[in-house]
N, C-alpha and C. Protein backbone atom coordinates (compact mmCIF):
# COMPACT_ATOMS: atom_id res chain seq x y z
N MET A 1 72.06 -42.67 37.42
CA MET A 1 70.82 -43.28 37.86
C MET A 1 71.19 -44.45 38.78
N GLU A 2 70.56 -44.51 39.91
CA GLU A 2 70.90 -45.57 40.86
C GLU A 2 70.37 -46.92 40.40
N HIS A 3 70.98 -47.97 40.91
CA HIS A 3 70.68 -49.34 40.50
C HIS A 3 69.20 -49.70 40.71
N ALA A 4 68.64 -49.34 41.84
CA ALA A 4 67.24 -49.68 42.14
C ALA A 4 66.30 -49.02 41.14
N LEU A 5 66.58 -47.79 40.78
CA LEU A 5 65.74 -47.07 39.81
C LEU A 5 65.85 -47.71 38.43
N LYS A 6 67.08 -48.07 38.05
CA LYS A 6 67.28 -48.73 36.76
C LYS A 6 66.51 -50.05 36.71
N ALA A 7 66.56 -50.81 37.79
CA ALA A 7 65.86 -52.09 37.86
C ALA A 7 64.35 -51.89 37.75
N GLU A 8 63.86 -50.85 38.39
CA GLU A 8 62.42 -50.55 38.34
C GLU A 8 61.99 -50.17 36.93
N VAL A 9 62.77 -49.31 36.27
CA VAL A 9 62.46 -48.90 34.91
C VAL A 9 62.51 -50.11 33.97
N LYS A 10 63.54 -50.95 34.15
CA LYS A 10 63.67 -52.15 33.33
C LYS A 10 62.44 -53.05 33.48
N LYS A 11 61.98 -53.21 34.70
CA LYS A 11 60.81 -54.04 34.98
C LYS A 11 59.57 -53.48 34.27
N GLU A 12 59.39 -52.18 34.35
CA GLU A 12 58.23 -51.54 33.71
C GLU A 12 58.30 -51.65 32.19
N ILE A 13 59.49 -51.45 31.63
CA ILE A 13 59.66 -51.57 30.18
C ILE A 13 59.36 -53.00 29.74
N ASN A 14 59.82 -53.97 30.52
CA ASN A 14 59.54 -55.37 30.20
C ASN A 14 58.05 -55.67 30.26
N ARG A 15 57.32 -55.03 31.15
CA ARG A 15 55.86 -55.19 31.20
C ARG A 15 55.24 -54.67 29.90
N ILE A 16 55.74 -53.54 29.43
CA ILE A 16 55.25 -52.98 28.16
C ILE A 16 55.52 -53.94 27.01
N VAL A 17 56.74 -54.48 26.97
CA VAL A 17 57.11 -55.43 25.92
C VAL A 17 56.19 -56.65 25.97
N ASP A 18 55.93 -57.17 27.15
CA ASP A 18 55.04 -58.33 27.29
C ASP A 18 53.64 -58.01 26.75
N LEU A 19 53.13 -56.83 27.07
CA LEU A 19 51.82 -56.42 26.56
C LEU A 19 51.82 -56.27 25.04
N MET A 20 52.92 -55.75 24.50
CA MET A 20 53.04 -55.62 23.05
C MET A 20 53.01 -56.99 22.38
N ILE A 21 53.69 -57.95 22.98
CA ILE A 21 53.69 -59.31 22.45
C ILE A 21 52.28 -59.89 22.49
N GLN A 22 51.58 -59.66 23.59
CA GLN A 22 50.19 -60.14 23.71
C GLN A 22 49.31 -59.48 22.65
N ALA A 23 49.50 -58.18 22.45
CA ALA A 23 48.69 -57.46 21.46
C ALA A 23 48.94 -58.01 20.06
N ASP A 24 50.20 -58.32 19.73
CA ASP A 24 50.51 -58.91 18.43
C ASP A 24 49.81 -60.25 18.27
N SER A 25 49.84 -61.04 19.32
CA SER A 25 49.20 -62.35 19.29
C SER A 25 47.69 -62.22 19.10
N ILE A 26 47.09 -61.27 19.78
CA ILE A 26 45.65 -61.03 19.65
C ILE A 26 45.31 -60.59 18.23
N ARG A 27 46.12 -59.68 17.67
CA ARG A 27 45.88 -59.23 16.29
C ARG A 27 45.94 -60.41 15.31
N GLU A 28 46.93 -61.29 15.51
CA GLU A 28 47.04 -62.47 14.65
C GLU A 28 45.81 -63.37 14.80
N SER A 29 45.34 -63.55 16.02
CA SER A 29 44.15 -64.38 16.25
C SER A 29 42.92 -63.77 15.59
N ILE A 30 42.78 -62.47 15.69
CA ILE A 30 41.65 -61.78 15.07
C ILE A 30 41.71 -61.96 13.55
N ALA A 31 42.89 -61.81 12.97
CA ALA A 31 43.05 -61.97 11.53
C ALA A 31 42.68 -63.39 11.09
N GLU A 32 43.09 -64.38 11.87
CA GLU A 32 42.75 -65.77 11.55
C GLU A 32 41.24 -66.00 11.65
N LEU A 33 40.61 -65.44 12.68
CA LEU A 33 39.16 -65.58 12.82
C LEU A 33 38.43 -64.94 11.64
N LYS A 34 38.87 -63.77 11.24
CA LYS A 34 38.25 -63.10 10.10
C LYS A 34 38.38 -63.95 8.85
N LYS A 35 39.56 -64.52 8.65
CA LYS A 35 39.79 -65.38 7.49
C LYS A 35 38.88 -66.60 7.53
N ASP A 36 38.75 -67.21 8.70
CA ASP A 36 37.88 -68.37 8.85
C ASP A 36 36.42 -68.02 8.55
N ILE A 37 35.96 -66.89 9.07
CA ILE A 37 34.58 -66.45 8.82
C ILE A 37 34.38 -66.18 7.34
N LYS A 38 35.35 -65.53 6.73
CA LYS A 38 35.28 -65.25 5.29
C LYS A 38 35.14 -66.54 4.51
N ASN A 39 35.97 -67.52 4.81
CA ASN A 39 35.95 -68.79 4.08
C ASN A 39 34.68 -69.59 4.36
N GLU A 40 34.22 -69.58 5.60
CA GLU A 40 33.05 -70.37 5.98
C GLU A 40 31.74 -69.78 5.47
N TYR A 41 31.63 -68.45 5.52
CA TYR A 41 30.35 -67.80 5.22
C TYR A 41 30.38 -66.86 4.02
N ALA A 42 31.53 -66.77 3.35
CA ALA A 42 31.69 -65.90 2.17
C ALA A 42 31.34 -64.44 2.48
N ILE A 43 31.76 -63.99 3.65
CA ILE A 43 31.57 -62.59 4.03
C ILE A 43 32.92 -61.88 3.85
N PRO A 44 32.94 -60.76 3.15
CA PRO A 44 34.21 -60.05 2.97
C PRO A 44 34.81 -59.61 4.32
N VAL A 45 36.12 -59.64 4.39
CA VAL A 45 36.81 -59.28 5.63
C VAL A 45 36.48 -57.85 6.05
N THR A 46 36.35 -56.95 5.08
CA THR A 46 36.02 -55.57 5.44
C THR A 46 34.65 -55.48 6.12
N THR A 47 33.72 -56.31 5.67
CA THR A 47 32.39 -56.34 6.28
C THR A 47 32.46 -56.90 7.69
N ILE A 48 33.21 -57.97 7.85
CA ILE A 48 33.39 -58.58 9.17
C ILE A 48 33.97 -57.56 10.14
N THR A 49 35.00 -56.86 9.70
CA THR A 49 35.66 -55.86 10.53
C THR A 49 34.70 -54.74 10.90
N LYS A 50 33.95 -54.27 9.91
CA LYS A 50 33.01 -53.16 10.15
C LYS A 50 31.93 -53.56 11.14
N VAL A 51 31.37 -54.75 10.96
CA VAL A 51 30.32 -55.22 11.87
C VAL A 51 30.86 -55.35 13.29
N ALA A 52 32.03 -55.97 13.42
CA ALA A 52 32.63 -56.14 14.76
C ALA A 52 32.91 -54.79 15.41
N THR A 53 33.39 -53.85 14.62
CA THR A 53 33.70 -52.51 15.16
C THR A 53 32.43 -51.80 15.61
N ILE A 54 31.38 -51.89 14.80
CA ILE A 54 30.10 -51.25 15.17
C ILE A 54 29.55 -51.87 16.45
N ILE A 55 29.62 -53.19 16.55
CA ILE A 55 29.12 -53.85 17.76
C ILE A 55 29.95 -53.44 18.97
N ARG A 56 31.27 -53.40 18.81
CA ARG A 56 32.14 -53.03 19.93
C ARG A 56 31.88 -51.59 20.38
N LYS A 57 31.73 -50.69 19.41
CA LYS A 57 31.53 -49.28 19.74
C LYS A 57 30.07 -48.91 20.01
N GLN A 58 29.16 -49.83 19.68
CA GLN A 58 27.73 -49.59 19.86
C GLN A 58 27.32 -48.28 19.17
N ASN A 59 27.71 -48.13 17.89
CA ASN A 59 27.43 -46.87 17.20
C ASN A 59 26.75 -47.05 15.84
N LEU A 60 25.82 -47.98 15.77
CA LEU A 60 25.12 -48.23 14.51
C LEU A 60 24.39 -46.97 14.01
N ASP A 61 23.76 -46.25 14.91
CA ASP A 61 23.06 -45.03 14.50
C ASP A 61 24.00 -44.03 13.83
N GLU A 62 25.18 -43.86 14.40
CA GLU A 62 26.16 -42.94 13.80
C GLU A 62 26.57 -43.41 12.41
N GLU A 63 26.79 -44.71 12.28
CA GLU A 63 27.19 -45.25 10.98
C GLU A 63 26.08 -45.08 9.95
N GLU A 64 24.85 -45.29 10.36
CA GLU A 64 23.73 -45.10 9.44
C GLU A 64 23.63 -43.65 8.99
N GLN A 65 23.88 -42.72 9.90
CA GLN A 65 23.85 -41.30 9.54
C GLN A 65 24.95 -40.98 8.53
N LYS A 66 26.14 -41.56 8.73
CA LYS A 66 27.24 -41.34 7.79
C LYS A 66 26.86 -41.85 6.40
N TRP A 67 26.26 -43.06 6.35
CA TRP A 67 25.87 -43.63 5.07
C TRP A 67 24.77 -42.83 4.41
N ASP A 68 23.84 -42.32 5.18
CA ASP A 68 22.78 -41.48 4.61
C ASP A 68 23.39 -40.25 3.95
N GLU A 69 24.37 -39.67 4.61
CA GLU A 69 25.03 -38.49 4.04
C GLU A 69 25.80 -38.86 2.77
N ILE A 70 26.47 -39.99 2.80
CA ILE A 70 27.20 -40.45 1.61
C ILE A 70 26.24 -40.70 0.47
N LYS A 71 25.13 -41.39 0.75
CA LYS A 71 24.13 -41.65 -0.29
C LYS A 71 23.60 -40.35 -0.88
N GLU A 72 23.37 -39.38 -0.03
CA GLU A 72 22.88 -38.08 -0.51
C GLU A 72 23.88 -37.45 -1.48
N TRP A 73 25.13 -37.49 -1.12
CA TRP A 73 26.16 -36.93 -1.99
C TRP A 73 26.29 -37.71 -3.29
N VAL A 74 26.15 -39.02 -3.22
CA VAL A 74 26.19 -39.84 -4.45
C VAL A 74 25.03 -39.44 -5.36
N ASP A 75 23.85 -39.27 -4.79
CA ASP A 75 22.68 -38.85 -5.58
C ASP A 75 22.94 -37.49 -6.23
N ILE A 76 23.51 -36.58 -5.47
CA ILE A 76 23.79 -35.24 -5.99
C ILE A 76 24.81 -35.30 -7.13
N CYS A 77 25.80 -36.14 -6.98
CA CYS A 77 26.90 -36.19 -7.93
C CYS A 77 26.65 -37.14 -9.11
N SER A 78 25.59 -37.89 -9.06
CA SER A 78 25.33 -38.85 -10.15
C SER A 78 24.56 -38.23 -11.29
């Protein structure tokens, strides 16, 4: 492999590494925010995560349909 190609690949790999580092930092920040919200408002982390995910995906209707189906099965099995 020629030197210029190696340098180009190295540069691209380093860009990936930089993005991975940023992603780790973002995950840590999100975890800290969830913890702060939990402590401040007594909301479980799972609830915080679910609400944020629903808002991000804009899929409340789908989630409600899933819960309706789950409730139906609980009724059947109870």
